[in-house]
Amino acid sequence: MTAQGRYALTIKDVYDKNIAPLVYQHLLGSKKIPLDAIITHGNDYVREICCSASAAAAE
C-alpha cells in the first residue's frame, strides 16, 4: 500500500527510464496490469499487504 492509500503492484526487475514506458505499455496491452495503473518510483510504500511473487503464483 502506498502513502496515498493506493495498492501497488511491484515488478521484480528495474528498468531504465527509457524502457519502463515500453514495458508499461506491453503490460497494459496484454491486460497483465489494470488499465488505470501508473508507474512510480516506489519510494512511498508504507507496508506490504501480501505475498511474494512465488507465493502469489502458487495461489
PDB file of N, CA and C in Angstrom:
ATOM      1  N   MET A   1       0.847  -1.165   0.000  1.00  0.00           N
ATOM      2  CA  MET A   1       0.000   0.000   0.000  1.00  0.00           C
ATOM      3  C   MET A   1       0.899   1.236   0.000  1.00  0.00           C
ATOM      4  N   THR A   2       0.486   2.253  -0.720  1.00  0.00           N
ATOM      5  CA  THR A   2       1.273   3.484  -0.774  1.00  0.00           C
ATOM      6  C   THR A   2       0.811   4.469   0.287  1.00  0.00           C
ATOM      7  N   ALA A   3       1.584   5.516   0.484  1.00  0.00           N
ATOM      8  CA  ALA A   3       1.227   6.558   1.442  1.00  0.00           C
ATOM      9  C   ALA A   3      -0.092   7.234   1.069  1.00  0.00           C
ATOM     10  N   GLN A   4      -0.457   7.212  -0.214  1.00  0.00           N
ATOM     11  CA  GLN A   4      -1.704   7.814  -0.674  1.00  0.00           C
ATOM     12  C   GLN A   4      -2.887   6.857  -0.555  1.00  0.00           C
ATOM     13  N   GLY A   5      -2.665   5.650  -0.038  1.00  0.00           N
ATOM     14  CA  GLY A   5      -3.744   4.694   0.142  1.00  0.00           C
ATOM     15  C   GLY A   5      -4.043   3.848  -1.076  1.00  0.00           C
ATOM     16  N   ARG A   6      -3.214   3.915  -2.099  1.00  0.00           N
ATOM     17  CA  ARG A   6      -3.412   3.090  -3.293  1.00  0.00           C
ATOM     18  C   ARG A   6      -2.658   1.782  -3.122  1.00  0.00           C
ATOM     19  N   TYR A   7      -3.149   0.758  -3.762  1.00  0.00           N
ATOM     20  CA  TYR A   7      -2.441  -0.515  -3.770  1.00  0.00           C
ATOM     21  C   TYR A   7      -1.376  -0.468  -4.842  1.00  0.00           C
ATOM     22  N   ALA A   8      -0.267  -1.126  -4.587  1.00  0.00           N
ATOM     23  CA  ALA A   8       0.850  -1.117  -5.529  1.00  0.00           C
ATOM     24  C   ALA A   8       1.154  -2.536  -5.978  1.00  0.00           C
ATOM     25  N   LEU A   9       1.420  -2.666  -7.249  1.00  0.00           N
ATOM     26  CA  LEU A   9       1.947  -3.912  -7.799  1.00  0.00           C
ATOM     27  C   LEU A   9       3.414  -3.657  -8.087  1.00  0.00           C
ATOM     28  N   THR A  10       4.240  -4.570  -7.712  1.00  0.00           N
ATOM     29  CA  THR A  10       5.655  -4.382  -7.993  1.00  0.00           C
ATOM     30  C   THR A  10       6.111  -5.386  -9.033  1.00  0.00           C
ATOM     31  N   ILE A  11       7.066  -4.965  -9.806  1.00  0.00           N
ATOM     32  CA  ILE A  11       7.651  -5.820 -10.832  1.00  0.00           C
ATOM     33  C   ILE A  11       9.083  -6.098 -10.400  1.00  0.00           C
ATOM     34  N   LYS A  12       9.496  -7.320 -10.493  1.00  0.00           N
ATOM     35  CA  LYS A  12      10.790  -7.749  -9.970  1.00  0.00           C
ATOM     36  C   LYS A  12      11.968  -6.978 -10.553  1.00  0.00           C
ATOM     37  N   ASP A  13      11.940  -6.681 -11.826  1.00  0.00           N
ATOM     38  CA  ASP A  13      13.080  -6.043 -12.477  1.00  0.00           C
ATOM     39  C   ASP A  13      13.089  -4.533 -12.290  1.00  0.00           C
ATOM     40  N   VAL A  14      14.245  -3.932 -12.567  1.00  0.00           N
ATOM     41  CA  VAL A  14      14.406  -2.483 -12.577  1.00  0.00           C
ATOM     42  C   VAL A  14      14.662  -2.090 -14.021  1.00  0.00           C
ATOM     43  N   TYR A  15      13.972  -1.058 -14.494  1.00  0.00           N
ATOM     44  CA  TYR A  15      14.075  -0.661 -15.891  1.00  0.00           C
ATOM     45  C   TYR A  15      14.619   0.745 -16.035  1.00  0.00           C
ATOM     46  N   ASP A  16      15.397   0.955 -17.073  1.00  0.00           N
ATOM     47  CA  ASP A  16      15.869   2.280 -17.448  1.00  0.00           C
ATOM     48  C   ASP A  16      14.657   3.160 -17.736  1.00  0.00           C
ATOM     49  N   LYS A  17      14.784   4.459 -17.487  1.00  0.00           N
ATOM     50  CA  LYS A  17      13.633   5.350 -17.668  1.00  0.00           C
ATOM     51  C   LYS A  17      13.123   5.378 -19.107  1.00  0.00           C
ATOM     52  N   ASN A  18      13.951   4.993 -20.070  1.00  0.00           N
ATOM     53  CA  ASN A  18      13.511   4.947 -21.467  1.00  0.00           C
ATOM     54  C   ASN A  18      12.795   3.635 -21.806  1.00  0.00           C
ATOM     55  N   ILE A  19      13.086   2.594 -21.049  1.00  0.00           N
ATOM     56  CA  ILE A  19      12.498   1.277 -21.292  1.00  0.00           C
ATOM     57  C   ILE A  19      11.203   1.082 -20.502  1.00  0.00           C
ATOM     58  N   ALA A  20      11.122   1.668 -19.319  1.00  0.00           N
ATOM     59  CA  ALA A  20       9.951   1.480 -18.450  1.00  0.00           C
ATOM     60  C   ALA A  20       8.627   1.770 -19.148  1.00  0.00           C
ATOM     61  N   PRO A  21       8.496   2.861 -19.926  1.00  0.00           N
ATOM     62  CA  PRO A  21       7.212   3.098 -20.606  1.00  0.00           C
ATOM     63  C   PRO A  21       6.846   2.004 -21.609  1.00  0.00           C
ATOM     64  N   LEU A  22       7.844   1.407 -22.231  1.00  0.00           N
ATOM     65  CA  LEU A  22       7.584   0.320 -23.183  1.00  0.00           C
ATOM     66  C   LEU A  22       7.081  -0.928 -22.458  1.00  0.00           C
ATOM     67  N   VAL A  23       7.692  -1.236 -21.329  1.00  0.00           N
ATOM     68  CA  VAL A  23       7.254  -2.377 -20.518  1.00  0.00           C
ATOM     69  C   VAL A  23       5.834  -2.122 -20.013  1.00  0.00           C
ATOM     70  N   TYR A  24       5.595  -0.906 -19.563  1.00  0.00           N
ATOM     71  CA  TYR A  24       4.275  -0.500 -19.080  1.00  0.00           C
ATOM     72  C   TYR A  24       3.212  -0.676 -20.175  1.00  0.00           C
ATOM     73  N   GLN A  25       3.490  -0.207 -21.362  1.00  0.00           N
ATOM     74  CA  GLN A  25       2.533  -0.341 -22.468  1.00  0.00           C
ATOM     75  C   GLN A  25       2.281  -1.807 -22.807  1.00  0.00           C
ATOM     76  N   HIS A  26       3.338  -2.613 -22.769  1.00  0.00           N
ATOM     77  CA  HIS A  26       3.179  -4.046 -23.040  1.00  0.00           C
ATOM     78  C   HIS A  26       2.283  -4.701 -21.982  1.00  0.00           C
ATOM     79  N   LEU A  27       2.519  -4.388 -20.711  1.00  0.00           N
ATOM     80  CA  LEU A  27       1.720  -4.973 -19.639  1.00  0.00           C
ATOM     81  C   LEU A  27       0.264  -4.522 -19.726  1.00  0.00           C
ATOM     82  N   LEU A  28       0.038  -3.255 -20.071  1.00  0.00           N
ATOM     83  CA  LEU A  28      -1.332  -2.773 -20.261  1.00  0.00           C
ATOM     84  C   LEU A  28      -2.002  -3.487 -21.429  1.00  0.00           C
ATOM     85  N   GLY A  29      -1.302  -3.546 -22.551  1.00  0.00           N
ATOM     86  CA  GLY A  29      -1.850  -4.155 -23.757  1.00  0.00           C
ATOM     87  C   GLY A  29      -2.170  -5.628 -23.596  1.00  0.00           C
ATOM     88  N   SER A  30      -1.386  -6.320 -22.793  1.00  0.00           N
ATOM     89  CA  SER A  30      -1.614  -7.750 -22.574  1.00  0.00           C
ATOM     90  C   SER A  30      -2.549  -7.995 -21.384  1.00  0.00           C
ATOM     91  N   LYS A  31      -3.073  -6.916 -20.811  1.00  0.00           N
ATOM     92  CA  LYS A  31      -4.018  -6.968 -19.684  1.00  0.00           C
ATOM     93  C   LYS A  31      -3.442  -7.678 -18.462  1.00  0.00           C
ATOM     94  N   LYS A  32      -2.130  -7.538 -18.274  1.00  0.00           N
ATOM     95  CA  LYS A  32      -1.488  -8.121 -17.097  1.00  0.00           C
ATOM     96  C   LYS A  32      -1.495  -7.175 -15.916  1.00  0.00           C
ATOM     97  N   ILE A  33      -1.782  -5.891 -16.178  1.00  0.00           N
ATOM     98  CA  ILE A  33      -1.949  -4.905 -15.114  1.00  0.00           C
ATOM     99  C   ILE A  33      -3.229  -4.121 -15.389  1.00  0.00           C
ATOM    100  N   PRO A  34      -3.831  -3.513 -14.366  1.00  0.00           N
ATOM    101  CA  PRO A  34      -5.064  -2.746 -14.575  1.00  0.00           C
ATOM    102  C   PRO A  34      -4.865  -1.562 -15.523  1.00  0.00           C
ATOM    103  N   LEU A  35      -5.915  -1.191 -16.236  1.00  0.00           N
ATOM    104  CA  LEU A  35      -5.836  -0.086 -17.191  1.00  0.00           C
ATOM    105  C   LEU A  35      -5.531   1.253 -16.524  1.00  0.00           C
ATOM    106  N   ASP A  36      -5.833   1.400 -15.247  1.00  0.00           N
ATOM    107  CA  ASP A  36      -5.551   2.661 -14.561  1.00  0.00           C
ATOM    108  C   ASP A  36      -4.232   2.617 -13.776  1.00  0.00           C
ATOM    109  N   ALA A  37      -3.386   1.627 -14.065  1.00  0.00           N
ATOM    110  CA  ALA A  37      -2.098   1.510 -13.383  1.00  0.00           C
ATOM    111  C   ALA A  37      -1.182   2.663 -13.788  1.00  0.00           C
ATOM    112  N   ILE A  38      -0.326   3.059 -12.870  1.00  0.00           N
ATOM    113  CA  ILE A  38       0.644   4.116 -13.142  1.00  0.00           C
ATOM    114  C   ILE A  38       2.045   3.621 -12.783  1.00  0.00           C
ATOM    115  N   ILE A  39       3.047   4.276 -13.324  1.00  0.00           N
ATOM    116  CA  ILE A  39       4.443   3.978 -12.991  1.00  0.00           C
ATOM    117  C   ILE A  39       4.867   4.944 -11.889  1.00  0.00           C
ATOM    118  N   THR A  40       5.553   4.433 -10.893  1.00  0.00           N
ATOM    119  CA  THR A  40       6.060   5.281  -9.814  1.00  0.00           C
ATOM    120  C   THR A  40       7.442   4.793  -9.406  1.00  0.00           C
ATOM    121  N   HIS A  41       8.136   5.613  -8.657  1.00  0.00           N
ATOM    122  CA  HIS A  41       9.467   5.241  -8.175  1.00  0.00           C
ATOM    123  C   HIS A  41       9.408   4.182  -7.084  1.00  0.00           C
ATOM    124  N   GLY A  42       8.288   4.077  -6.411  1.00  0.00           N
ATOM    125  CA  GLY A  42       8.173   3.064  -5.363  1.00  0.00           C
ATOM    126  C   GLY A  42       8.819   3.459  -4.055  1.00  0.00           C
ATOM    127  N   ASN A  43       9.077   4.723  -3.864  1.00  0.00           N
ATOM    128  CA  ASN A  43       9.710   5.149  -2.624  1.00  0.00           C
ATOM    129  C   ASN A  43       8.709   5.620  -1.575  1.00  0.00           C
ATOM    130  N   ASP A  44       7.415   5.394  -1.826  1.00  0.00           N
ATOM    131  CA  ASP A  44       6.419   5.807  -0.839  1.00  0.00           C
ATOM    132  C   ASP A  44       5.543   4.643  -0.364  1.00  0.00           C
ATOM    133  N   TYR A  45       6.070   3.432  -0.429  1.00  0.00           N
ATOM    134  CA  TYR A  45       5.338   2.288   0.113  1.00  0.00           C
ATOM    135  C   TYR A  45       5.350   2.375   1.633  1.00  0.00           C
ATOM    136  N   VAL A  46       4.226   2.061   2.242  1.00  0.00           N
ATOM    137  CA  VAL A  46       4.161   2.115   3.697  1.00  0.00           C
ATOM    138  C   VAL A  46       4.075   0.733   4.345  1.00  0.00           C
ATOM    139  N   ARG A  47       3.593  -0.255   3.583  1.00  0.00           N
ATOM    140  CA  ARG A  47       3.580  -1.617   4.124  1.00  0.00           C
ATOM    141  C   ARG A  47       3.296  -2.623   3.011  1.00  0.00           C
ATOM    142  N   GLU A  48       3.702  -3.854   3.264  1.00  0.00           N
ATOM    143  CA  GLU A  48       3.418  -4.948   2.341  1.00  0.00           C
ATOM    144  C   GLU A  48       2.102  -5.581   2.778  1.00  0.00           C
ATOM    145  N   ILE A  49       1.206  -5.787   1.832  1.00  0.00           N
ATOM    146  CA  ILE A  49      -0.103  -6.362   2.142  1.00  0.00           C
ATOM    147  C   ILE A  49      -0.091  -7.876   1.960  1.00  0.00           C
ATOM    148  N   CYS A  50       0.562  -8.333   0.918  1.00  0.00           N
ATOM    149  CA  CYS A  50       0.509  -9.754   0.602  1.00  0.00           C
ATOM    150  C   CYS A  50       1.809 -10.216   0.011  1.00  0.00           C
ATOM    151  N   CYS A  51       1.934 -11.265  -0.178  1.00  0.00           N
ATOM    152  CA  CYS A  51       2.786 -12.273  -0.768  1.00  0.00           C
ATOM    153  C   CYS A  51       3.991 -11.829  -1.593  1.00  0.00           C
ATOM    154  N   SER A  52       4.902 -12.737  -1.652  1.00  0.00           N
ATOM    155  CA  SER A  52       5.981 -12.611  -2.630  1.00  0.00           C
ATOM    156  C   SER A  52       5.464 -13.147  -3.942  1.00  0.00           C
ATOM    157  N   ALA A  53       6.178 -12.895  -5.013  1.00  0.00           N
ATOM    158  CA  ALA A  53       5.737 -13.347  -6.338  1.00  0.00           C
ATOM    159  C   ALA A  53       5.574 -14.861  -6.385  1.00  0.00           C
ATOM    160  N   SER A  54       6.469 -15.594  -5.769  1.00  0.00           N
ATOM    161  CA  SER A  54       6.368 -17.045  -5.814  1.00  0.00           C
ATOM    162  C   SER A  54       5.132 -17.535  -5.040  1.00  0.00           C
ATOM    163  N   ALA A  55       4.826 -16.888  -3.923  1.00  0.00           N
ATOM    164  CA  ALA A  55       3.648 -17.286  -3.152  1.00  0.00           C
ATOM    165  C   ALA A  55       2.371 -16.918  -3.887  1.00  0.00           C
ATOM    166  N   ALA A  56       2.343 -15.762  -4.545  1.00  0.00           N
ATOM    167  CA  ALA A  56       1.149 -15.327  -5.276  1.00  0.00           C
ATOM    168  C   ALA A  56       0.892 -16.245  -6.460  1.00  0.00           C
ATOM    169  N   ALA A  57       1.926 -16.696  -7.114  1.00  0.00           N
ATOM    170  CA  ALA A  57       1.768 -17.579  -8.272  1.00  0.00           C
ATOM    171  C   ALA A  57       1.226 -18.952  -7.849  1.00  0.00           C
ATOM    172  N   ALA A  58       1.514 -19.337  -6.622  1.00  0.00           N
ATOM    173  CA  ALA A  58       1.077 -20.647  -6.143  1.00  0.00           C
ATOM    174  C   ALA A  58      -0.397 -20.669  -5.751  1.00  0.00           C
ATOM    175  N   GLU A  59      -0.977 -19.479  -5.530  1.00  0.00           N
ATOM    176  CA  GLU A  59      -2.382 -19.433  -5.084  1.00  0.00           C
ATOM    177  C   GLU A  59      -3.354 -19.652  -6.207  1.00  0.00           C
TER     178      GLU A  59
END
